[in-house]
Amino acid sequence: MYAIVEILGQQFKVEAGRRLYIHRMEEAERGSQVEFDKVLLIDNEGTVTVGAPVVVGAKVVAEVLSHVRGEKVIIFHKKRRKGYRKRNGHRQNFTELFIKEIVA
């Protein structure tokens, strides 16, 4: 069983027992449970339920495991023969979730 759920403006495919990395949820504390009720689709062993726009009564229950930072991404700009070089880096903040169950 899996579901397509909208979390913080992005859509994710979630399954019970899996870990999920989403953009940082500042209001969620480590060890707390969060529920997402914007479930767009549920597949229960071949029986697909599509919401219009969401599936009524469905929700995804998850536990916040930790707040982590992603790997560093290097941004490098160069214009040839002009002596212009610019280097910048970025590390994205993520929240690690453990999907406990999908309530349909």
N, C-alpha and C. Protein backbone atom coordinates (compact mmCIF):
# COMPACT_ATOMS: atom_id res chain seq x y z
N MET A 1 0.84 -1.18 0.00
CA MET A 1 0.00 0.00 0.00
C MET A 1 0.88 1.24 0.00
N TYR A 2 0.57 2.15 -0.90
CA TYR A 2 1.28 3.42 -0.92
C TYR A 2 0.29 4.54 -1.16
N ALA A 3 0.77 5.76 -0.93
CA ALA A 3 -0.07 6.94 -1.12
C ALA A 3 0.78 8.07 -1.69
N ILE A 4 0.13 8.95 -2.43
CA ILE A 4 0.75 10.19 -2.89
C ILE A 4 0.19 11.29 -2.00
N VAL A 5 1.08 11.98 -1.29
CA VAL A 5 0.66 12.98 -0.31
C VAL A 5 1.39 14.29 -0.59
N GLU A 6 0.69 15.38 -0.34
CA GLU A 6 1.30 16.71 -0.51
C GLU A 6 1.77 17.21 0.84
N ILE A 7 3.09 17.49 0.91
CA ILE A 7 3.71 17.98 2.14
C ILE A 7 4.48 19.25 1.80
N LEU A 8 4.13 20.35 2.43
CA LEU A 8 4.81 21.63 2.23
C LEU A 8 4.89 22.03 0.76
N GLY A 9 3.82 21.77 0.01
CA GLY A 9 3.76 22.18 -1.39
C GLY A 9 4.40 21.22 -2.37
N GLN A 10 4.93 20.09 -1.89
CA GLN A 10 5.54 19.10 -2.77
C GLN A 10 4.81 17.77 -2.62
N GLN A 11 4.82 16.97 -3.68
CA GLN A 11 4.15 15.68 -3.65
C GLN A 11 5.18 14.58 -3.46
N PHE A 12 4.87 13.62 -2.56
CA PHE A 12 5.75 12.51 -2.26
C PHE A 12 4.97 11.20 -2.31
N LYS A 13 5.65 10.15 -2.75
CA LYS A 13 5.10 8.80 -2.68
C LYS A 13 5.58 8.20 -1.36
N VAL A 14 4.63 7.81 -0.49
CA VAL A 14 4.99 7.29 0.82
C VAL A 14 4.45 5.89 1.00
N GLU A 15 5.19 5.08 1.74
CA GLU A 15 4.78 3.74 2.13
C GLU A 15 5.03 3.60 3.62
N ALA A 16 4.24 2.79 4.29
CA ALA A 16 4.42 2.56 5.72
C ALA A 16 5.75 1.86 5.96
N GLY A 17 6.48 2.32 6.98
CA GLY A 17 7.75 1.73 7.32
C GLY A 17 8.94 2.32 6.59
N ARG A 18 8.74 3.33 5.76
CA ARG A 18 9.82 3.95 4.99
C ARG A 18 10.22 5.29 5.63
N ARG A 19 11.44 5.73 5.32
CA ARG A 19 11.92 7.04 5.75
C ARG A 19 11.76 8.01 4.59
N LEU A 20 11.56 9.27 4.93
CA LEU A 20 11.31 10.30 3.92
C LEU A 20 12.02 11.57 4.35
N TYR A 21 12.72 12.21 3.41
CA TYR A 21 13.39 13.48 3.67
C TYR A 21 12.59 14.57 2.97
N ILE A 22 12.13 15.55 3.75
CA ILE A 22 11.36 16.67 3.21
C ILE A 22 12.07 17.96 3.60
N HIS A 23 11.65 19.07 3.02
CA HIS A 23 12.22 20.35 3.42
C HIS A 23 11.93 20.61 4.90
N ARG A 24 12.78 21.38 5.54
CA ARG A 24 12.74 21.56 6.99
C ARG A 24 11.39 22.03 7.49
N MET A 25 10.83 21.28 8.44
CA MET A 25 9.61 21.68 9.15
C MET A 25 10.06 22.25 10.49
N GLU A 26 10.11 23.57 10.59
CA GLU A 26 10.62 24.22 11.79
C GLU A 26 9.73 23.96 13.01
N GLU A 27 8.42 23.85 12.78
CA GLU A 27 7.50 23.72 13.90
C GLU A 27 7.47 22.31 14.48
N ALA A 28 7.99 21.32 13.75
CA ALA A 28 7.97 19.93 14.22
C ALA A 28 9.20 19.65 15.06
N GLU A 29 8.98 19.08 16.23
CA GLU A 29 10.09 18.75 17.12
C GLU A 29 10.46 17.29 16.98
N ARG A 30 11.70 16.98 17.30
CA ARG A 30 12.20 15.61 17.20
C ARG A 30 11.39 14.69 18.12
N GLY A 31 10.94 13.56 17.57
CA GLY A 31 10.17 12.59 18.33
C GLY A 31 8.67 12.82 18.30
N SER A 32 8.21 13.92 17.75
CA SER A 32 6.77 14.19 17.72
C SER A 32 6.13 13.53 16.51
N GLN A 33 4.81 13.35 16.58
CA GLN A 33 4.06 12.77 15.47
C GLN A 33 3.37 13.89 14.69
N VAL A 34 3.38 13.75 13.38
CA VAL A 34 2.69 14.71 12.52
C VAL A 34 1.75 13.93 11.61
N GLU A 35 0.66 14.59 11.24
CA GLU A 35 -0.33 13.98 10.35
C GLU A 35 -0.49 14.86 9.12
N PHE A 36 -0.56 14.23 7.97
CA PHE A 36 -0.76 14.92 6.71
C PHE A 36 -2.08 14.44 6.13
N ASP A 37 -3.00 15.37 5.90
CA ASP A 37 -4.33 14.99 5.42
C ASP A 37 -4.55 15.33 3.94
N LYS A 38 -3.57 15.89 3.27
CA LYS A 38 -3.69 16.16 1.84
C LYS A 38 -3.21 14.94 1.05
N VAL A 39 -3.99 13.87 1.13
CA VAL A 39 -3.67 12.63 0.41
C VAL A 39 -4.34 12.71 -0.95
N LEU A 40 -3.55 12.65 -2.00
CA LEU A 40 -4.06 12.82 -3.36
C LEU A 40 -4.45 11.50 -4.01
N LEU A 41 -3.77 10.41 -3.63
CA LEU A 41 -4.01 9.10 -4.25
C LEU A 41 -3.63 8.01 -3.26
N ILE A 42 -4.39 6.92 -3.27
CA ILE A 42 -4.07 5.75 -2.45
C ILE A 42 -4.16 4.52 -3.33
N ASP A 43 -3.13 3.66 -3.26
CA ASP A 43 -3.13 2.39 -3.96
C ASP A 43 -3.06 1.29 -2.91
N ASN A 44 -4.14 0.51 -2.80
CA ASN A 44 -4.23 -0.57 -1.81
C ASN A 44 -4.27 -1.89 -2.56
N GLU A 45 -3.08 -2.47 -2.82
CA GLU A 45 -2.93 -3.73 -3.56
C GLU A 45 -3.71 -3.73 -4.87
N GLY A 46 -3.54 -2.70 -5.66
CA GLY A 46 -4.18 -2.65 -6.97
C GLY A 46 -5.47 -1.86 -7.02
N THR A 47 -6.08 -1.59 -5.89
CA THR A 47 -7.29 -0.77 -5.84
C THR A 47 -6.87 0.68 -5.68
N VAL A 48 -7.01 1.46 -6.74
CA VAL A 48 -6.54 2.84 -6.73
C VAL A 48 -7.71 3.78 -6.43
N THR A 49 -7.50 4.68 -5.46
CA THR A 49 -8.49 5.71 -5.13
C THR A 49 -7.85 7.06 -5.40
N VAL A 50 -8.45 7.80 -6.32
CA VAL A 50 -7.93 9.12 -6.68
C VAL A 50 -8.85 10.17 -6.09
N GLY A 51 -8.28 11.15 -5.42
CA GLY A 51 -9.07 12.21 -4.81
C GLY A 51 -9.40 13.31 -5.79
N ALA A 52 -10.41 14.09 -5.44
CA ALA A 52 -10.79 15.22 -6.27
C ALA A 52 -11.01 16.45 -5.39
N PRO A 53 -10.05 17.18 -4.95
CA PRO A 53 -8.61 17.01 -5.15
C PRO A 53 -7.95 16.09 -4.13
N VAL A 54 -8.59 15.83 -2.97
CA VAL A 54 -7.98 14.95 -1.97
C VAL A 54 -8.93 13.79 -1.66
N VAL A 55 -8.38 12.71 -1.14
CA VAL A 55 -9.18 11.57 -0.72
C VAL A 55 -9.78 11.89 0.65
N VAL A 56 -11.09 11.81 0.75
CA VAL A 56 -11.80 12.18 1.98
C VAL A 56 -11.54 11.12 3.05
N GLY A 57 -11.15 11.57 4.25
CA GLY A 57 -10.94 10.67 5.38
C GLY A 57 -9.58 9.99 5.41
N ALA A 58 -8.74 10.26 4.45
CA ALA A 58 -7.43 9.62 4.41
C ALA A 58 -6.39 10.54 5.03
N LYS A 59 -5.40 9.94 5.70
CA LYS A 59 -4.30 10.72 6.26
C LYS A 59 -3.07 9.83 6.39
N VAL A 60 -1.94 10.47 6.52
CA VAL A 60 -0.66 9.78 6.68
C VAL A 60 -0.09 10.22 8.02
N VAL A 61 0.26 9.24 8.86
CA VAL A 61 0.83 9.51 10.18
C VAL A 61 2.32 9.23 10.11
N ALA A 62 3.12 10.21 10.55
CA ALA A 62 4.58 10.08 10.50
C ALA A 62 5.18 10.57 11.81
N GLU A 63 6.40 10.12 12.07
CA GLU A 63 7.15 10.54 13.25
C GLU A 63 8.39 11.29 12.79
N VAL A 64 8.69 12.40 13.45
CA VAL A 64 9.87 13.19 13.11
C VAL A 64 11.08 12.54 13.78
N LEU A 65 12.02 12.08 12.95
CA LEU A 65 13.23 11.45 13.49
C LEU A 65 14.31 12.46 13.80
N SER A 66 14.61 13.35 12.85
CA SER A 66 15.67 14.32 13.09
C SER A 66 15.60 15.45 12.06
N HIS A 67 16.36 16.49 12.34
CA HIS A 67 16.56 17.58 11.40
C HIS A 67 18.01 17.48 10.94
N VAL A 68 18.21 17.35 9.65
CA VAL A 68 19.56 17.14 9.10
C VAL A 68 19.83 18.16 8.00
N ARG A 69 21.09 18.19 7.56
CA ARG A 69 21.49 19.04 6.44
C ARG A 69 21.97 18.14 5.32
N GLY A 70 21.60 18.51 4.10
CA GLY A 70 22.00 17.74 2.93
C GLY A 70 23.46 17.97 2.58
N GLU A 71 23.90 17.29 1.53
CA GLU A 71 25.27 17.46 1.07
C GLU A 71 25.44 18.82 0.42
N LYS A 72 26.67 19.31 0.43
CA LYS A 72 26.96 20.62 -0.12
C LYS A 72 26.93 20.57 -1.65
N VAL A 73 26.23 21.53 -2.24
CA VAL A 73 26.17 21.68 -3.68
C VAL A 73 27.00 22.91 -4.04
N ILE A 74 27.96 22.73 -4.95
CA ILE A 74 28.83 23.82 -5.36
C ILE A 74 28.27 24.46 -6.62
N ILE A 75 28.13 25.79 -6.59
CA ILE A 75 27.69 26.56 -7.74
C ILE A 75 28.90 27.34 -8.24
N PHE A 76 29.28 27.13 -9.49
CA PHE A 76 30.47 27.77 -10.03
C PHE A 76 30.11 28.47 -11.34
N HIS A 77 30.39 29.78 -11.41
CA HIS A 77 30.14 30.57 -12.61
C HIS A 77 31.49 31.02 -13.17
N LYS A 78 31.62 30.97 -14.49
CA LYS A 78 32.85 31.42 -15.13
C LYS A 78 32.52 31.98 -16.50
N LYS A 79 33.19 33.07 -16.83
CA LYS A 79 33.12 33.61 -18.18
C LYS A 79 34.52 33.51 -18.78
N ARG A 80 34.62 32.77 -19.84
CA ARG A 80 35.94 32.51 -20.39
C ARG A 80 36.59 33.77 -20.96
N ARG A 81 37.89 33.82 -20.83
CA ARG A 81 38.75 34.90 -21.32
C ARG A 81 38.47 36.26 -20.66
N LYS A 82 37.69 36.31 -19.62
CA LYS A 82 37.37 37.58 -18.97
C LYS A 82 37.92 37.66 -17.54
N GLY A 83 38.39 36.55 -17.01
CA GLY A 83 38.90 36.54 -15.64
C GLY A 83 37.81 36.52 -14.59
N TYR A 84 36.59 36.20 -14.99
CA TYR A 84 35.46 36.19 -14.05
C TYR A 84 35.22 34.77 -13.57
N ARG A 85 35.41 34.57 -12.28
CA ARG A 85 35.10 33.27 -11.67
C ARG A 85 34.42 33.54 -10.34
N LYS A 86 33.35 32.80 -10.07
CA LYS A 86 32.60 32.98 -8.84
C LYS A 86 32.20 31.60 -8.33
N ARG A 87 32.48 31.33 -7.07
CA ARG A 87 32.19 30.02 -6.47
C ARG A 87 31.31 30.23 -5.25
N ASN A 88 30.26 29.43 -5.16
CA ASN A 88 29.33 29.54 -4.05
C ASN A 88 28.87 28.14 -3.68
N GLY A 89 28.47 27.94 -2.44
CA GLY A 89 27.99 26.64 -2.00
C GLY A 89 26.67 26.77 -1.26
N HIS A 90 25.95 25.65 -1.19
CA HIS A 90 24.65 25.64 -0.51
C HIS A 90 24.40 24.28 0.11
N ARG A 91 23.89 24.27 1.33
CA ARG A 91 23.46 23.03 1.99
C ARG A 91 22.01 23.21 2.40
N GLN A 92 21.14 22.32 1.92
CA GLN A 92 19.71 22.41 2.19
C GLN A 92 19.40 21.76 3.53
N ASN A 93 18.47 22.35 4.28
CA ASN A 93 18.01 21.78 5.54
C ASN A 93 16.84 20.84 5.27
N PHE A 94 16.89 19.65 5.85
CA PHE A 94 15.85 18.65 5.67
C PHE A 94 15.32 18.17 7.02
N THR A 95 14.13 17.61 7.00
CA THR A 95 13.55 16.92 8.14
C THR A 95 13.36 15.47 7.74
N GLU A 96 13.85 14.56 8.58
CA GLU A 96 13.73 13.14 8.31
C GLU A 96 12.48 12.60 9.00
N LEU A 97 11.59 11.99 8.22
CA LEU A 97 10.35 11.44 8.75
C LEU A 97 10.34 9.93 8.62
N PHE A 98 9.68 9.26 9.56
CA PHE A 98 9.42 7.83 9.47
C PHE A 98 7.92 7.66 9.31
N ILE A 99 7.49 7.08 8.21
CA ILE A 99 6.06 6.92 7.93
C ILE A 99 5.54 5.73 8.74
N LYS A 100 4.65 6.00 9.68
CA LYS A 100 4.11 4.95 10.54
C LYS A 100 2.97 4.20 9.89
N GLU A 101 1.98 4.93 9.39
CA GLU A 101 0.83 4.28 8.78
C GLU A 101 0.11 5.20 7.82
N ILE A 102 -0.65 4.56 6.95
CA ILE A 102 -1.51 5.27 6.01
C ILE A 102 -2.95 4.88 6.35
N VAL A 103 -3.73 5.84 6.77
CA VAL A 103 -5.12 5.60 7.15
C VAL A 103 -6.00 5.95 5.97
N ALA A 104 -6.74 4.94 5.49
CA ALA A 104 -7.58 5.16 4.31
C ALA A 104 -9.05 5.00 4.67
